[in-house]
């Protein structure tokens, strides 16, 4: 089930073998799996960004306070 989080700081993902790309600060939708987390966001009006990152990397960003998951049951509005 999708949840939401807020990016607060320098968070990047690496597409394939490419250079790291920054995820813009703000609200993201997250879908968690055992080994990865998929995030999606509005990169600019009408353009959606999406990525999956390893669970370990996601957890490191959360521990550093750069990704702040919403509390369970918190409204997405």
N, C-alpha and C. Protein backbone atom coordinates (compact mmCIF):
# COMPACT_ATOMS: atom_id res chain seq x y z
N UNK A 1 0.85 -1.18 0.00
CA UNK A 1 0.00 0.00 0.00
C UNK A 1 0.90 1.25 0.00
N UNK A 2 0.61 2.20 -0.84
CA UNK A 2 1.44 3.41 -0.90
C UNK A 2 1.35 4.22 0.39
N UNK A 3 2.47 4.84 0.71
CA UNK A 3 2.55 5.79 1.82
C UNK A 3 3.21 7.04 1.26
N UNK A 4 3.38 8.02 2.13
CA UNK A 4 4.02 9.25 1.70
C UNK A 4 5.18 9.58 2.60
N UNK A 5 6.11 10.35 2.06
CA UNK A 5 7.27 10.81 2.81
C UNK A 5 7.65 12.17 2.27
N UNK A 6 8.54 12.85 2.98
CA UNK A 6 9.03 14.15 2.53
C UNK A 6 10.54 14.08 2.40
N UNK A 7 11.04 14.52 1.25
CA UNK A 7 12.47 14.62 1.02
C UNK A 7 12.92 15.94 1.62
N UNK A 8 13.89 15.89 2.53
CA UNK A 8 14.41 17.09 3.19
C UNK A 8 15.93 17.01 3.20
N UNK A 9 16.51 17.36 2.09
CA UNK A 9 17.97 17.30 2.00
C UNK A 9 18.41 16.69 0.69
N UNK A 10 19.69 16.43 0.59
CA UNK A 10 20.28 15.92 -0.64
C UNK A 10 20.08 14.41 -0.72
N UNK A 11 19.12 13.97 -1.57
CA UNK A 11 18.82 12.55 -1.78
C UNK A 11 18.97 12.28 -3.26
N UNK A 12 19.73 11.25 -3.60
CA UNK A 12 19.96 10.93 -5.01
C UNK A 12 19.61 9.47 -5.30
N UNK A 13 19.41 9.21 -6.58
CA UNK A 13 19.30 7.83 -7.08
C UNK A 13 20.17 7.74 -8.31
N UNK A 14 20.56 6.51 -8.63
CA UNK A 14 21.44 6.29 -9.79
C UNK A 14 20.72 5.38 -10.78
N UNK A 15 20.33 5.93 -11.94
CA UNK A 15 19.66 5.12 -12.95
C UNK A 15 20.68 4.24 -13.70
N UNK A 16 20.53 2.94 -13.58
CA UNK A 16 21.46 2.05 -14.27
C UNK A 16 22.90 2.33 -13.88
N UNK A 17 23.75 2.53 -14.88
CA UNK A 17 25.16 2.84 -14.64
C UNK A 17 25.43 4.33 -14.76
N UNK A 18 24.38 5.14 -14.76
CA UNK A 18 24.53 6.58 -14.97
C UNK A 18 24.99 7.33 -13.73
N UNK A 19 25.04 8.63 -13.88
CA UNK A 19 25.43 9.51 -12.78
C UNK A 19 24.26 9.69 -11.82
N UNK A 20 24.54 9.92 -10.54
CA UNK A 20 23.46 10.15 -9.57
C UNK A 20 22.61 11.36 -9.95
N UNK A 21 21.31 11.23 -9.73
CA UNK A 21 20.34 12.30 -10.02
C UNK A 21 19.64 12.64 -8.70
N UNK A 22 19.52 13.93 -8.43
CA UNK A 22 18.89 14.37 -7.18
C UNK A 22 17.37 14.28 -7.26
N UNK A 23 16.78 13.80 -6.17
CA UNK A 23 15.32 13.82 -6.04
C UNK A 23 14.98 15.16 -5.40
N UNK A 24 14.07 15.94 -6.00
CA UNK A 24 13.78 17.27 -5.44
C UNK A 24 13.15 17.18 -4.05
N UNK A 25 13.44 18.18 -3.24
CA UNK A 25 12.83 18.24 -1.91
C UNK A 25 11.32 18.38 -2.06
N UNK A 26 10.60 17.76 -1.14
CA UNK A 26 9.15 17.82 -1.16
C UNK A 26 8.55 16.44 -0.95
N UNK A 27 7.28 16.35 -1.20
CA UNK A 27 6.49 15.14 -0.93
C UNK A 27 6.72 14.09 -2.02
N UNK A 28 6.86 12.83 -1.60
CA UNK A 28 6.98 11.70 -2.51
C UNK A 28 6.03 10.60 -2.05
N UNK A 29 5.59 9.80 -3.00
CA UNK A 29 4.83 8.60 -2.66
C UNK A 29 5.82 7.46 -2.59
N UNK A 30 5.70 6.60 -1.58
CA UNK A 30 6.60 5.47 -1.44
C UNK A 30 5.81 4.17 -1.39
N UNK A 31 6.38 3.15 -2.03
CA UNK A 31 5.85 1.79 -1.95
C UNK A 31 7.02 0.92 -1.48
N UNK A 32 6.86 0.33 -0.31
CA UNK A 32 7.95 -0.42 0.29
C UNK A 32 7.84 -1.91 0.02
N UNK A 33 8.97 -2.52 -0.32
CA UNK A 33 9.10 -3.96 -0.45
C UNK A 33 10.19 -4.38 0.52
N UNK A 34 10.38 -5.67 0.66
CA UNK A 34 11.38 -6.16 1.60
C UNK A 34 12.78 -5.68 1.25
N UNK A 35 13.11 -5.64 -0.05
CA UNK A 35 14.49 -5.32 -0.46
C UNK A 35 14.65 -3.98 -1.17
N UNK A 36 13.54 -3.25 -1.38
CA UNK A 36 13.63 -1.98 -2.10
C UNK A 36 12.47 -1.07 -1.73
N UNK A 37 12.61 0.19 -2.12
CA UNK A 37 11.53 1.17 -1.94
C UNK A 37 11.39 1.93 -3.25
N UNK A 38 10.17 1.98 -3.77
CA UNK A 38 9.89 2.74 -4.98
C UNK A 38 9.32 4.08 -4.57
N UNK A 39 9.87 5.15 -5.16
CA UNK A 39 9.41 6.50 -4.86
C UNK A 39 8.96 7.18 -6.15
N UNK A 40 7.91 7.98 -6.06
CA UNK A 40 7.47 8.77 -7.21
C UNK A 40 7.13 10.17 -6.72
N UNK A 41 7.31 11.14 -7.61
CA UNK A 41 7.12 12.55 -7.27
C UNK A 41 6.83 13.31 -8.54
N UNK A 42 6.33 14.53 -8.39
CA UNK A 42 6.10 15.40 -9.53
C UNK A 42 7.38 16.22 -9.74
N UNK A 43 8.15 15.85 -10.77
CA UNK A 43 9.42 16.50 -11.06
C UNK A 43 9.22 17.95 -11.48
N UNK A 44 8.18 18.18 -12.25
CA UNK A 44 7.74 19.51 -12.67
C UNK A 44 6.30 19.35 -13.08
N UNK A 45 5.55 20.42 -13.22
CA UNK A 45 4.13 20.27 -13.53
C UNK A 45 3.90 19.35 -14.74
N UNK A 46 3.13 18.29 -14.50
CA UNK A 46 2.80 17.35 -15.57
C UNK A 46 3.85 16.29 -15.84
N UNK A 47 4.95 16.29 -15.10
CA UNK A 47 6.02 15.31 -15.31
C UNK A 47 6.29 14.57 -14.00
N UNK A 48 6.15 13.25 -14.06
CA UNK A 48 6.34 12.43 -12.87
C UNK A 48 7.73 11.81 -12.91
N UNK A 49 8.42 11.86 -11.76
CA UNK A 49 9.68 11.17 -11.61
C UNK A 49 9.44 9.92 -10.78
N UNK A 50 10.19 8.87 -11.04
CA UNK A 50 10.05 7.64 -10.26
C UNK A 50 11.37 6.90 -10.22
N UNK A 51 11.61 6.22 -9.13
CA UNK A 51 12.80 5.39 -9.00
C UNK A 51 12.57 4.34 -7.94
N UNK A 52 13.35 3.29 -8.02
CA UNK A 52 13.42 2.29 -6.96
C UNK A 52 14.84 2.32 -6.43
N UNK A 53 14.97 2.29 -5.10
CA UNK A 53 16.31 2.26 -4.52
C UNK A 53 16.39 1.09 -3.54
N UNK A 54 17.59 0.57 -3.37
CA UNK A 54 17.75 -0.52 -2.40
C UNK A 54 17.28 -0.11 -1.02
N UNK A 55 16.69 -1.04 -0.31
CA UNK A 55 16.14 -0.77 1.02
C UNK A 55 17.22 -0.22 1.96
N UNK A 56 18.42 -0.75 1.88
CA UNK A 56 19.51 -0.29 2.74
C UNK A 56 19.80 1.20 2.53
N UNK A 57 19.84 1.63 1.25
CA UNK A 57 20.09 3.05 0.95
C UNK A 57 18.95 3.92 1.47
N UNK A 58 17.71 3.48 1.25
CA UNK A 58 16.54 4.21 1.75
C UNK A 58 16.63 4.36 3.27
N UNK A 59 16.91 3.26 3.97
CA UNK A 59 17.00 3.30 5.43
C UNK A 59 18.09 4.26 5.90
N UNK A 60 19.20 4.34 5.18
CA UNK A 60 20.27 5.27 5.53
C UNK A 60 19.80 6.72 5.40
N UNK A 61 19.06 7.03 4.34
CA UNK A 61 18.51 8.38 4.18
C UNK A 61 17.52 8.70 5.29
N UNK A 62 16.69 7.73 5.68
CA UNK A 62 15.73 7.95 6.77
C UNK A 62 16.48 8.21 8.07
N UNK A 63 17.48 7.40 8.37
CA UNK A 63 18.26 7.58 9.61
C UNK A 63 18.95 8.94 9.64
N UNK A 64 19.37 9.44 8.47
CA UNK A 64 20.04 10.74 8.38
C UNK A 64 19.04 11.90 8.41
N UNK A 65 17.73 11.60 8.37
CA UNK A 65 16.71 12.64 8.40
C UNK A 65 16.46 13.30 7.05
N UNK A 66 16.99 12.71 5.98
CA UNK A 66 16.82 13.29 4.64
C UNK A 66 15.54 12.83 3.97
N UNK A 67 15.04 11.67 4.40
CA UNK A 67 13.71 11.20 3.99
C UNK A 67 12.93 11.02 5.28
N UNK A 68 11.77 11.68 5.35
CA UNK A 68 10.94 11.63 6.56
C UNK A 68 9.59 11.02 6.22
N UNK A 69 9.43 9.72 6.49
CA UNK A 69 8.14 9.09 6.21
C UNK A 69 7.03 9.69 7.06
N UNK A 70 5.85 9.84 6.47
CA UNK A 70 4.69 10.30 7.23
C UNK A 70 4.34 9.25 8.26
N UNK A 71 3.74 9.67 9.35
CA UNK A 71 3.27 8.74 10.38
C UNK A 71 2.15 7.88 9.80
N UNK A 72 2.06 6.66 10.26
CA UNK A 72 0.98 5.77 9.82
C UNK A 72 -0.35 6.45 10.04
N UNK A 73 -1.21 6.35 9.04
CA UNK A 73 -2.55 6.90 9.15
C UNK A 73 -2.65 8.39 8.94
N UNK A 74 -1.53 9.06 8.70
CA UNK A 74 -1.56 10.52 8.47
C UNK A 74 -2.18 10.79 7.10
N UNK A 75 -2.99 11.80 7.01
CA UNK A 75 -3.65 12.18 5.76
C UNK A 75 -2.63 12.58 4.71
N UNK A 76 -2.92 12.24 3.44
CA UNK A 76 -2.03 12.60 2.34
C UNK A 76 -2.33 14.00 1.80
N UNK A 77 -3.27 14.71 2.40
CA UNK A 77 -3.62 16.06 1.95
C UNK A 77 -2.76 17.11 2.60
